[in-house]
PDB file of N, CA and C in Angstrom:
ATOM      1  N   UNK A   1     131.407  17.003  93.054  1.00  0.00           N
ATOM      2  CA  UNK A   1     130.202  16.781  92.294  1.00  0.00           C
ATOM      3  C   UNK A   1     129.071  17.598  92.924  1.00  0.00           C
ATOM      4  N   UNK A   2     128.285  18.246  92.088  1.00  0.00           N
ATOM      5  CA  UNK A   2     127.162  19.048  92.564  1.00  0.00           C
ATOM      6  C   UNK A   2     126.063  18.133  93.098  1.00  0.00           C
ATOM      7  N   UNK A   3     125.312  18.671  94.031  1.00  0.00           N
ATOM      8  CA  UNK A   3     124.197  17.911  94.590  1.00  0.00           C
ATOM      9  C   UNK A   3     123.130  17.696  93.523  1.00  0.00           C
ATOM     10  N   UNK A   4     122.466  16.562  93.608  1.00  0.00           N
ATOM     11  CA  UNK A   4     121.367  16.276  92.686  1.00  0.00           C
ATOM     12  C   UNK A   4     120.165  17.129  93.046  1.00  0.00           C
ATOM     13  N   UNK A   5     119.323  17.470  92.072  1.00  0.00           N
ATOM     14  CA  UNK A   5     118.074  18.149  92.397  1.00  0.00           C
ATOM     15  C   UNK A   5     117.286  17.297  93.398  1.00  0.00           C
ATOM     16  N   UNK A   6     116.547  17.948  94.291  1.00  0.00           N
ATOM     17  CA  UNK A   6     115.824  17.243  95.340  1.00  0.00           C
ATOM     18  C   UNK A   6     114.946  16.124  94.786  1.00  0.00           C
ATOM     19  N   UNK A   7     114.204  16.398  93.719  1.00  0.00           N
ATOM     20  CA  UNK A   7     113.288  15.397  93.168  1.00  0.00           C
ATOM     21  C   UNK A   7     114.047  14.160  92.694  1.00  0.00           C
ATOM     22  N   UNK A   8     115.215  14.352  92.112  1.00  0.00           N
ATOM     23  CA  UNK A   8     116.021  13.232  91.642  1.00  0.00           C
ATOM     24  C   UNK A   8     116.548  12.434  92.830  1.00  0.00           C
ATOM     25  N   UNK A   9     117.057  13.119  93.844  1.00  0.00           N
ATOM     26  CA  UNK A   9     117.566  12.431  95.029  1.00  0.00           C
ATOM     27  C   UNK A   9     116.461  11.645  95.721  1.00  0.00           C
ATOM     28  N   UNK A  10     115.261  12.228  95.780  1.00  0.00           N
ATOM     29  CA  UNK A  10     114.123  11.548  96.397  1.00  0.00           C
ATOM     30  C   UNK A  10     113.796  10.260  95.650  1.00  0.00           C
ATOM     31  N   UNK A  11     113.759  10.315  94.330  1.00  0.00           N
ATOM     32  CA  UNK A  11     113.494   9.119  93.524  1.00  0.00           C
ATOM     33  C   UNK A  11     114.574   8.071  93.767  1.00  0.00           C
ATOM     34  N   UNK A  12     115.829   8.485  93.786  1.00  0.00           N
ATOM     35  CA  UNK A  12     116.935   7.547  94.010  1.00  0.00           C
ATOM     36  C   UNK A  12     116.821   6.877  95.374  1.00  0.00           C
ATOM     37  N   UNK A  13     116.468   7.652  96.380  1.00  0.00           N
ATOM     38  CA  UNK A  13     116.298   7.093  97.727  1.00  0.00           C
ATOM     39  C   UNK A  13     115.163   6.069  97.749  1.00  0.00           C
ATOM     40  N   UNK A  14     114.071   6.383  97.086  1.00  0.00           N
ATOM     41  CA  UNK A  14     112.924   5.461  97.035  1.00  0.00           C
ATOM     42  C   UNK A  14     113.267   4.207  96.244  1.00  0.00           C
ATOM     43  N   UNK A  15     114.017   4.362  95.158  1.00  0.00           N
ATOM     44  CA  UNK A  15     114.445   3.201  94.385  1.00  0.00           C
ATOM     45  C   UNK A  15     115.349   2.296  95.220  1.00  0.00           C
ATOM     46  N   UNK A  16     116.308   2.891  95.880  1.00  0.00           N
ATOM     47  CA  UNK A  16     117.257   2.125  96.692  1.00  0.00           C
ATOM     48  C   UNK A  16     116.550   1.366  97.812  1.00  0.00           C
ATOM     49  N   UNK A  17     115.447   1.928  98.308  1.00  0.00           N
ATOM     50  CA  UNK A  17     114.676   1.289  99.370  1.00  0.00           C
ATOM     51  C   UNK A  17     113.709   0.241  98.821  1.00  0.00           C
ATOM     52  N   UNK A  18     113.612   0.125  97.498  1.00  0.00           N
ATOM     53  CA  UNK A  18     112.712  -0.846  96.891  1.00  0.00           C
ATOM     54  C   UNK A  18     111.246  -0.499  97.056  1.00  0.00           C
ATOM     55  N   UNK A  19     110.928   0.786  97.085  1.00  0.00           N
ATOM     56  CA  UNK A  19     109.548   1.262  97.268  1.00  0.00           C
ATOM     57  C   UNK A  19     108.612   0.661  96.212  1.00  0.00           C
ATOM     58  N   UNK A  20     107.666  -0.201  96.611  1.00  0.00           N
ATOM     59  CA  UNK A  20     106.775  -0.824  95.634  1.00  0.00           C
ATOM     60  C   UNK A  20     105.778   0.155  95.011  1.00  0.00           C
ATOM     61  N   UNK A  21     105.611   1.315  95.619  1.00  0.00           N
ATOM     62  CA  UNK A  21     104.700   2.318  95.073  1.00  0.00           C
ATOM     63  C   UNK A  21     105.314   3.150  93.967  1.00  0.00           C
ATOM     64  N   UNK A  22     106.598   3.011  93.765  1.00  0.00           N
ATOM     65  CA  UNK A  22     107.283   3.795  92.738  1.00  0.00           C
ATOM     66  C   UNK A  22     107.328   2.990  91.443  1.00  0.00           C
ATOM     67  N   UNK A  23     106.261   3.105  90.661  1.00  0.00           N
ATOM     68  CA  UNK A  23     106.186   2.404  89.386  1.00  0.00           C
ATOM     69  C   UNK A  23     106.423   3.347  88.214  1.00  0.00           C
ATOM     70  N   UNK A  24     106.144   4.625  88.424  1.00  0.00           N
ATOM     71  CA  UNK A  24     106.338   5.645  87.392  1.00  0.00           C
ATOM     72  C   UNK A  24     107.266   6.723  87.924  1.00  0.00           C
ATOM     73  N   UNK A  25     108.357   6.945  87.239  1.00  0.00           N
ATOM     74  CA  UNK A  25     109.281   8.021  87.596  1.00  0.00           C
ATOM     75  C   UNK A  25     109.027   9.166  86.627  1.00  0.00           C
ATOM     76  N   UNK A  26     108.611  10.295  87.159  1.00  0.00           N
ATOM     77  CA  UNK A  26     108.341  11.463  86.325  1.00  0.00           C
ATOM     78  C   UNK A  26     109.209  12.613  86.812  1.00  0.00           C
ATOM     79  N   UNK A  27     110.248  12.881  86.061  1.00  0.00           N
ATOM     80  CA  UNK A  27     111.176  13.961  86.386  1.00  0.00           C
ATOM     81  C   UNK A  27     111.342  14.907  85.201  1.00  0.00           C
ATOM     82  N   UNK A  28     110.290  15.023  84.389  1.00  0.00           N
ATOM     83  CA  UNK A  28     110.375  15.913  83.239  1.00  0.00           C
ATOM     84  C   UNK A  28     110.719  17.326  83.688  1.00  0.00           C
ATOM     85  N   UNK A  29     111.567  17.949  82.955  1.00  0.00           N
ATOM     86  CA  UNK A  29     112.025  19.317  83.223  1.00  0.00           C
ATOM     87  C   UNK A  29     112.774  19.481  84.542  1.00  0.00           C
ATOM     88  N   UNK A  30     113.267  18.410  85.112  1.00  0.00           N
ATOM     89  CA  UNK A  30     114.003  18.515  86.374  1.00  0.00           C
ATOM     90  C   UNK A  30     115.448  18.947  86.164  1.00  0.00           C
ATOM     91  N   UNK A  31     115.879  18.948  84.893  1.00  0.00           N
ATOM     92  CA  UNK A  31     117.286  19.213  84.573  1.00  0.00           C
ATOM     93  C   UNK A  31     118.202  18.249  85.324  1.00  0.00           C
ATOM     94  N   UNK A  32     117.759  17.012  85.376  1.00  0.00           N
ATOM     95  CA  UNK A  32     118.518  15.969  86.071  1.00  0.00           C
ATOM     96  C   UNK A  32     119.915  15.825  85.488  1.00  0.00           C
ATOM     97  N   UNK A  33     120.023  16.002  84.174  1.00  0.00           N
ATOM     98  CA  UNK A  33     121.318  15.899  83.513  1.00  0.00           C
ATOM     99  C   UNK A  33     121.904  14.504  83.621  1.00  0.00           C
ATOM    100  N   UNK A  34     123.142  14.395  83.202  1.00  0.00           N
ATOM    101  CA  UNK A  34     123.825  13.107  83.240  1.00  0.00           C
ATOM    102  C   UNK A  34     123.972  12.592  84.668  1.00  0.00           C
ATOM    103  N   UNK A  35     124.262  13.479  85.615  1.00  0.00           N
ATOM    104  CA  UNK A  35     124.428  13.046  87.006  1.00  0.00           C
ATOM    105  C   UNK A  35     123.145  12.404  87.524  1.00  0.00           C
ATOM    106  N   UNK A  36     122.007  12.982  87.187  1.00  0.00           N
ATOM    107  CA  UNK A  36     120.726  12.425  87.614  1.00  0.00           C
ATOM    108  C   UNK A  36     120.437  11.102  86.942  1.00  0.00           C
ATOM    109  N   UNK A  37     120.704  11.011  85.630  1.00  0.00           N
ATOM    110  CA  UNK A  37     120.478   9.759  84.904  1.00  0.00           C
ATOM    111  C   UNK A  37     121.372   8.652  85.446  1.00  0.00           C
ATOM    112  N   UNK A  38     122.614   8.984  85.747  1.00  0.00           N
ATOM    113  CA  UNK A  38     123.546   7.998  86.303  1.00  0.00           C
ATOM    114  C   UNK A  38     123.077   7.551  87.679  1.00  0.00           C
ATOM    115  N   UNK A  39     122.650   8.494  88.512  1.00  0.00           N
ATOM    116  CA  UNK A  39     122.166   8.155  89.856  1.00  0.00           C
ATOM    117  C   UNK A  39     120.929   7.269  89.793  1.00  0.00           C
ATOM    118  N   UNK A  40     120.020   7.579  88.883  1.00  0.00           N
ATOM    119  CA  UNK A  40     118.817   6.752  88.723  1.00  0.00           C
ATOM    120  C   UNK A  40     119.206   5.367  88.227  1.00  0.00           C
ATOM    121  N   UNK A  41     120.113   5.309  87.258  1.00  0.00           N
ATOM    122  CA  UNK A  41     120.577   4.021  86.746  1.00  0.00           C
ATOM    123  C   UNK A  41     121.191   3.154  87.828  1.00  0.00           C
ATOM    124  N   UNK A  42     121.939   3.749  88.713  1.00  0.00           N
ATOM    125  CA  UNK A  42     122.568   2.995  89.806  1.00  0.00           C
ATOM    126  C   UNK A  42     121.554   2.583  90.864  1.00  0.00           C
ATOM    127  N   UNK A  43     120.494   3.352  91.018  1.00  0.00           N
ATOM    128  CA  UNK A  43     119.491   3.067  92.047  1.00  0.00           C
ATOM    129  C   UNK A  43     118.398   2.118  91.571  1.00  0.00           C
ATOM    130  N   UNK A  44     118.081   2.135  90.284  1.00  0.00           N
ATOM    131  CA  UNK A  44     116.974   1.338  89.770  1.00  0.00           C
ATOM    132  C   UNK A  44     117.243  -0.161  89.871  1.00  0.00           C
ATOM    133  N   UNK A  45     118.496  -0.551  89.995  1.00  0.00           N
ATOM    134  CA  UNK A  45     118.809  -1.978  90.100  1.00  0.00           C
ATOM    135  C   UNK A  45     118.194  -2.602  91.356  1.00  0.00           C
ATOM    136  N   UNK A  46     117.831  -1.793  92.340  1.00  0.00           N
ATOM    137  CA  UNK A  46     117.234  -2.304  93.579  1.00  0.00           C
ATOM    138  C   UNK A  46     115.717  -2.400  93.505  1.00  0.00           C
ATOM    139  N   UNK A  47     115.122  -2.007  92.399  1.00  0.00           N
ATOM    140  CA  UNK A  47     113.661  -1.968  92.304  1.00  0.00           C
ATOM    141  C   UNK A  47     113.139  -2.946  91.260  1.00  0.00           C
ATOM    142  N   UNK A  48     112.069  -3.622  91.613  1.00  0.00           N
ATOM    143  CA  UNK A  48     111.409  -4.533  90.672  1.00  0.00           C
ATOM    144  C   UNK A  48     110.079  -3.972  90.202  1.00  0.00           C
ATOM    145  N   UNK A  49     109.825  -2.701  90.484  1.00  0.00           N
ATOM    146  CA  UNK A  49     108.483  -2.161  90.286  1.00  0.00           C
ATOM    147  C   UNK A  49     108.366  -1.095  89.207  1.00  0.00           C
ATOM    148  N   UNK A  50     109.458  -0.524  88.745  1.00  0.00           N
ATOM    149  CA  UNK A  50     109.406   0.600  87.815  1.00  0.00           C
ATOM    150  C   UNK A  50     108.968   0.132  86.428  1.00  0.00           C
ATOM    151  N   UNK A  51     107.976   0.819  85.878  1.00  0.00           N
ATOM    152  CA  UNK A  51     107.464   0.502  84.547  1.00  0.00           C
ATOM    153  C   UNK A  51     107.657   1.658  83.567  1.00  0.00           C
ATOM    154  N   UNK A  52     107.646   2.890  84.077  1.00  0.00           N
ATOM    155  CA  UNK A  52     107.759   4.070  83.224  1.00  0.00           C
ATOM    156  C   UNK A  52     108.779   5.043  83.815  1.00  0.00           C
ATOM    157  N   UNK A  53     109.598   5.609  82.928  1.00  0.00           N
ATOM    158  CA  UNK A  53     110.551   6.643  83.318  1.00  0.00           C
ATOM    159  C   UNK A  53     110.405   7.808  82.354  1.00  0.00           C
ATOM    160  N   UNK A  54     110.055   8.959  82.880  1.00  0.00           N
ATOM    161  CA  UNK A  54     109.883  10.165  82.069  1.00  0.00           C
ATOM    162  C   UNK A  54     110.976  11.158  82.439  1.00  0.00           C
ATOM    163  N   UNK A  55     111.936  11.289  81.568  1.00  0.00           N
ATOM    164  CA  UNK A  55     113.023  12.261  81.736  1.00  0.00           C
ATOM    165  C   UNK A  55     113.022  13.218  80.555  1.00  0.00           C
ATOM    166  N   UNK A  56     111.858  13.484  80.038  1.00  0.00           N
ATOM    167  CA  UNK A  56     111.729  14.336  78.869  1.00  0.00           C
ATOM    168  C   UNK A  56     111.364  15.758  79.219  1.00  0.00           C
ATOM    169  N   UNK A  57     110.638  16.363  78.322  1.00  0.00           N
ATOM    170  CA  UNK A  57     110.233  17.756  78.451  1.00  0.00           C
ATOM    171  C   UNK A  57     108.717  17.821  78.547  1.00  0.00           C
ATOM    172  N   UNK A  58     108.222  18.659  79.458  1.00  0.00           N
ATOM    173  CA  UNK A  58     106.780  18.789  79.644  1.00  0.00           C
ATOM    174  C   UNK A  58     106.139  19.699  78.599  1.00  0.00           C
ATOM    175  N   UNK A  59     106.940  20.526  77.941  1.00  0.00           N
ATOM    176  CA  UNK A  59     106.389  21.424  76.928  1.00  0.00           C
ATOM    177  C   UNK A  59     107.431  21.684  75.845  1.00  0.00           C
ATOM    178  N   UNK A  60     106.982  22.294  74.761  1.00  0.00           N
ATOM    179  CA  UNK A  60     107.891  22.548  73.641  1.00  0.00           C
ATOM    180  C   UNK A  60     108.892  23.661  73.933  1.00  0.00           C
ATOM    181  N   UNK A  61     108.697  24.383  75.008  1.00  0.00           N
ATOM    182  CA  UNK A  61     109.609  25.483  75.329  1.00  0.00           C
ATOM    183  C   UNK A  61     110.540  25.176  76.497  1.00  0.00           C
ATOM    184  N   UNK A  62     110.403  24.027  77.117  1.00  0.00           N
ATOM    185  CA  UNK A  62     111.256  23.699  78.256  1.00  0.00           C
ATOM    186  C   UNK A  62     112.417  22.810  77.818  1.00  0.00           C
ATOM    187  N   UNK A  63     113.525  22.841  78.553  1.00  0.00           N
ATOM    188  CA  UNK A  63     114.725  22.124  78.127  1.00  0.00           C
ATOM    189  C   UNK A  63     114.722  20.626  78.413  1.00  0.00           C
ATOM    190  N   UNK A  64     113.816  20.144  79.221  1.00  0.00           N
ATOM    191  CA  UNK A  64     113.842  18.733  79.578  1.00  0.00           C
ATOM    192  C   UNK A  64     114.932  18.444  80.586  1.00  0.00           C
ATOM    193  N   UNK A  65     115.418  17.222  80.601  1.00  0.00           N
ATOM    194  CA  UNK A  65     116.419  16.811  81.589  1.00  0.00           C
ATOM    195  C   UNK A  65     117.850  16.936  81.105  1.00  0.00           C
ATOM    196  N   UNK A  66     118.035  17.206  79.819  1.00  0.00           N
ATOM    197  CA  UNK A  66     119.356  17.470  79.259  1.00  0.00           C
ATOM    198  C   UNK A  66     120.345  16.324  79.474  1.00  0.00           C
ATOM    199  N   UNK A  67     119.928  15.131  79.102  1.00  0.00           N
ATOM    200  CA  UNK A  67     120.756  13.936  79.262  1.00  0.00           C
ATOM    201  C   UNK A  67     121.513  13.668  77.967  1.00  0.00           C
ATOM    202  N   UNK A  68     122.805  13.425  78.083  1.00  0.00           N
ATOM    203  CA  UNK A  68     123.626  13.107  76.919  1.00  0.00           C
ATOM    204  C   UNK A  68     123.831  11.585  76.845  1.00  0.00           C
ATOM    205  N   UNK A  69     124.613  11.155  75.876  1.00  0.00           N
ATOM    206  CA  UNK A  69     124.884   9.728  75.704  1.00  0.00           C
ATOM    207  C   UNK A  69     125.487   9.113  76.964  1.00  0.00           C
ATOM    208  N   UNK A  70     126.370   9.839  77.634  1.00  0.00           N
ATOM    209  CA  UNK A  70     127.018   9.297  78.837  1.00  0.00           C
ATOM    210  C   UNK A  70     125.992   8.946  79.901  1.00  0.00           C
ATOM    211  N   UNK A  71     125.068   9.854  80.165  1.00  0.00           N
ATOM    212  CA  UNK A  71     124.035   9.596  81.167  1.00  0.00           C
ATOM    213  C   UNK A  71     123.078   8.513  80.725  1.00  0.00           C
ATOM    214  N   UNK A  72     122.695   8.537  79.449  1.00  0.00           N
ATOM    215  CA  UNK A  72     121.759   7.546  78.932  1.00  0.00           C
ATOM    216  C   UNK A  72     122.352   6.144  79.005  1.00  0.00           C
ATOM    217  N   UNK A  73     123.613   5.995  78.642  1.00  0.00           N
ATOM    218  CA  UNK A  73     124.246   4.673  78.679  1.00  0.00           C
ATOM    219  C   UNK A  73     124.240   4.100  80.092  1.00  0.00           C
ATOM    220  N   UNK A  74     124.552   4.925  81.074  1.00  0.00           N
ATOM    221  CA  UNK A  74     124.533   4.483  82.484  1.00  0.00           C
ATOM    222  C   UNK A  74     123.112   4.146  82.931  1.00  0.00           C
ATOM    223  N   UNK A  75     122.152   4.969  82.520  1.00  0.00           N
ATOM    224  CA  UNK A  75     120.753   4.723  82.872  1.00  0.00           C
ATOM    225  C   UNK A  75     120.295   3.390  82.292  1.00  0.00           C
ATOM    226  N   UNK A  76     120.574   3.153  81.018  1.00  0.00           N
ATOM    227  CA  UNK A  76     120.152   1.910  80.378  1.00  0.00           C
ATOM    228  C   UNK A  76     120.856   0.693  80.972  1.00  0.00           C
ATOM    229  N   UNK A  77     122.123   0.836  81.348  1.00  0.00           N
ATOM    230  CA  UNK A  77     122.824  -0.267  82.017  1.00  0.00           C
ATOM    231  C   UNK A  77     122.109  -0.631  83.314  1.00  0.00           C
ATOM    232  N   UNK A  78     121.688   0.385  84.070  1.00  0.00           N
ATOM    233  CA  UNK A  78     120.966   0.138  85.316  1.00  0.00           C
ATOM    234  C   UNK A  78     119.621  -0.510  85.079  1.00  0.00           C
ATOM    235  N   UNK A  79     118.903  -0.026  84.068  1.00  0.00           N
ATOM    236  CA  UNK A  79     117.595  -0.607  83.756  1.00  0.00           C
ATOM    237  C   UNK A  79     117.759  -2.072  83.352  1.00  0.00           C
ATOM    238  N   UNK A  80     118.779  -2.372  82.551  1.00  0.00           N
ATOM    239  CA  UNK A  80     118.992  -3.749  82.104  1.00  0.00           C
ATOM    240  C   UNK A  80     119.368  -4.673  83.260  1.00  0.00           C
ATOM    241  N   UNK A  81     120.054  -4.155  84.266  1.00  0.00           N
ATOM    242  CA  UNK A  81     120.456  -4.954  85.417  1.00  0.00           C
ATOM    243  C   UNK A  81     119.346  -5.073  86.458  1.00  0.00           C
ATOM    244  N   UNK A  82     118.294  -4.322  86.266  1.00  0.00           N
ATOM    245  CA  UNK A  82     117.189  -4.271  87.226  1.00  0.00           C
ATOM    246  C   UNK A  82     116.174  -5.371  86.955  1.00  0.00           C
ATOM    247  N   UNK A  83     115.524  -5.858  88.009  1.00  0.00           N
ATOM    248  CA  UNK A  83     114.425  -6.800  87.792  1.00  0.00           C
ATOM    249  C   UNK A  83     113.157  -6.103  87.271  1.00  0.00           C
ATOM    250  N   UNK A  84     113.155  -4.770  87.248  1.00  0.00           N
ATOM    251  CA  UNK A  84     112.015  -4.024  86.702  1.00  0.00           C
ATOM    252  C   UNK A  84     111.902  -4.281  85.205  1.00  0.00           C
ATOM    253  N   UNK A  85     110.719  -4.224  84.698  1.00  0.00           N
ATOM    254  CA  UNK A  85     110.504  -4.333  83.257  1.00  0.00           C
ATOM    255  C   UNK A  85     110.020  -2.974  82.757  1.00  0.00           C
ATOM    256  N   UNK A  86     110.922  -2.055  82.587  1.00  0.00           N
ATOM    257  CA  UNK A  86     110.584  -0.718  82.109  1.00  0.00           C
ATOM    258  C   UNK A  86     110.084  -0.831  80.672  1.00  0.00           C
ATOM    259  N   UNK A  87     108.906  -0.304  80.433  1.00  0.00           N
ATOM    260  CA  UNK A  87     108.291  -0.384  79.108  1.00  0.00           C
ATOM    261  C   UNK A  87     108.134   0.987  78.459  1.00  0.00           C
ATOM    262  N   UNK A  88     108.432   2.051  79.183  1.00  0.00           N
ATOM    263  CA  UNK A  88     108.267   3.414  78.672  1.00  0.00           C
ATOM    264  C   UNK A  88     109.431   4.255  79.154  1.00  0.00           C
ATOM    265  N   UNK A  89     110.135   4.868  78.230  1.00  0.00           N
ATOM    266  CA  UNK A  89     111.256   5.745  78.559  1.00  0.00           C
ATOM    267  C   UNK A  89     111.143   6.988  77.692  1.00  0.00           C
ATOM    268  N   UNK A  90     110.872   8.113  78.320  1.00  0.00           N
ATOM    269  CA  UNK A  90     110.686   9.374  77.603  1.00  0.00           C
ATOM    270  C   UNK A  90     111.929  10.239  77.800  1.00  0.00           C
ATOM    271  N   UNK A  91     112.566  10.610  76.699  1.00  0.00           N
ATOM    272  CA  UNK A  91     113.813  11.387  76.737  1.00  0.00           C
ATOM    273  C   UNK A  91     113.753  12.629  75.856  1.00  0.00           C
ATOM    274  N   UNK A  92     112.565  13.091  75.547  1.00  0.00           N
ATOM    275  CA  UNK A  92     112.384  14.246  74.666  1.00  0.00           C
ATOM    276  C   UNK A  92     113.326  15.391  75.034  1.00  0.00           C
ATOM    277  N   UNK A  93     113.952  15.979  74.022  1.00  0.00           N
ATOM    278  CA  UNK A  93     114.850  17.127  74.161  1.00  0.00           C
ATOM    279  C   UNK A  93     116.171  16.814  74.868  1.00  0.00           C
ATOM    280  N   UNK A  94     116.536  15.564  74.929  1.00  0.00           N
ATOM    281  CA  UNK A  94     117.839  15.207  75.488  1.00  0.00           C
ATOM    282  C   UNK A  94     118.798  14.961  74.328  1.00  0.00           C
ATOM    283  N   UNK A  95     119.949  15.619  74.339  1.00  0.00           N
ATOM    284  CA  UNK A  95     120.912  15.491  73.240  1.00  0.00           C
ATOM    285  C   UNK A  95     121.743  14.208  73.356  1.00  0.00           C
ATOM    286  N   UNK A  96     121.113  13.060  73.079  1.00  0.00           N
ATOM    287  CA  UNK A  96     121.781  11.778  73.300  1.00  0.00           C
ATOM    288  C   UNK A  96     122.805  11.431  72.224  1.00  0.00           C
ATOM    289  N   UNK A  97     122.745  12.067  71.071  1.00  0.00           N
ATOM    290  CA  UNK A  97     123.724  11.846  70.013  1.00  0.00           C
ATOM    291  C   UNK A  97     123.661  10.440  69.426  1.00  0.00           C
ATOM    292  N   UNK A  98     124.605  10.160  68.535  1.00  0.00           N
ATOM    293  CA  UNK A  98     124.642   8.876  67.830  1.00  0.00           C
ATOM    294  C   UNK A  98     124.908   7.705  68.774  1.00  0.00           C
ATOM    295  N   UNK A  99     125.858   7.872  69.688  1.00  0.00           N
ATOM    296  CA  UNK A  99     126.180   6.795  70.628  1.00  0.00           C
ATOM    297  C   UNK A  99     124.970   6.470  71.501  1.00  0.00           C
ATOM    298  N   UNK A 100     124.298   7.495  71.997  1.00  0.00           N
ATOM    299  CA  UNK A 100     123.102   7.281  72.811  1.00  0.00           C
ATOM    300  C   UNK A 100     121.999   6.616  72.015  1.00  0.00           C
ATOM    301  N   UNK A 101     121.839   7.018  70.767  1.00  0.00           N
ATOM    302  CA  UNK A 101     120.811   6.420  69.909  1.00  0.00           C
ATOM    303  C   UNK A 101     121.111   4.939  69.643  1.00  0.00           C
ATOM    304  N   UNK A 102     122.389   4.619  69.445  1.00  0.00           N
ATOM    305  CA  UNK A 102     122.774   3.219  69.254  1.00  0.00           C
ATOM    306  C   UNK A 102     122.474   2.388  70.490  1.00  0.00           C
ATOM    307  N   UNK A 103     122.827   2.909  71.639  1.00  0.00           N
ATOM    308  CA  UNK A 103     122.582   2.193  72.899  1.00  0.00           C
ATOM    309  C   UNK A 103     121.080   2.036  73.128  1.00  0.00           C
ATOM    310  N   UNK A 104     120.321   3.088  72.862  1.00  0.00           N
ATOM    311  CA  UNK A 104     118.868   3.034  73.014  1.00  0.00           C
ATOM    312  C   UNK A 104     118.268   2.005  72.060  1.00  0.00           C
ATOM    313  N   UNK A 105     118.743   1.988  70.834  1.00  0.00           N
ATOM    314  CA  UNK A 105     118.259   1.009  69.861  1.00  0.00           C
ATOM    315  C   UNK A 105     118.526  -0.421  70.305  1.00  0.00           C
ATOM    316  N   UNK A 106     119.707  -0.664  70.842  1.00  0.00           N
ATOM    317  CA  UNK A 106     120.047  -2.007  71.336  1.00  0.00           C
ATOM    318  C   UNK A 106     119.157  -2.386  72.508  1.00  0.00           C
ATOM    319  N   UNK A 107     118.891  -1.417  73.386  1.00  0.00           N
ATOM    320  CA  UNK A 107     118.001  -1.679  74.524  1.00  0.00           C
ATOM    321  C   UNK A 107     116.589  -1.993  74.046  1.00  0.00           C
ATOM    322  N   UNK A 108     116.104  -1.212  73.110  1.00  0.00           N
ATOM    323  CA  UNK A 108     114.757  -1.437  72.576  1.00  0.00           C
ATOM    324  C   UNK A 108     114.626  -2.808  71.917  1.00  0.00           C
ATOM    325  N   UNK A 109     115.677  -3.247  71.265  1.00  0.00           N
ATOM    326  CA  UNK A 109     115.641  -4.540  70.589  1.00  0.00           C
ATOM    327  C   UNK A 109     115.505  -5.701  71.561  1.00  0.00           C
ATOM    328  N   UNK A 110     115.917  -5.514  72.790  1.00  0.00           N
ATOM    329  CA  UNK A 110     115.842  -6.579  73.784  1.00  0.00           C
ATOM    330  C   UNK A 110     114.658  -6.423  74.736  1.00  0.00           C
ATOM    331  N   UNK A 111     113.881  -5.389  74.555  1.00  0.00           N
ATOM    332  CA  UNK A 111     112.737  -5.156  75.437  1.00  0.00           C
ATOM    333  C   UNK A 111     111.472  -5.181  74.641  1.00  0.00           C
TER     334      UNK A 111
END
């Protein structure tokens, strides 16, 4: 498995440590991909402080984080298992497909 981008690994480390200052995760245009979304999903379960997650695109010409349904499903599973009450999730320009949209819709219905 390829190493995660530094910014993604840093966020995961802070989440795992329960950093109370980490309330907003902003990784727009980090190209975190599915591996990054999965890592964040696995790490967010240790945090009760996250309110916003931005994994979208900062501009209309950038690719964003490129998260597919596989990464999104893992991310949402982690958010649901977390004591955090995430109220904002930005995924602009991520090709989540029908399965990802269904999972996102189910998550939204419970939040």
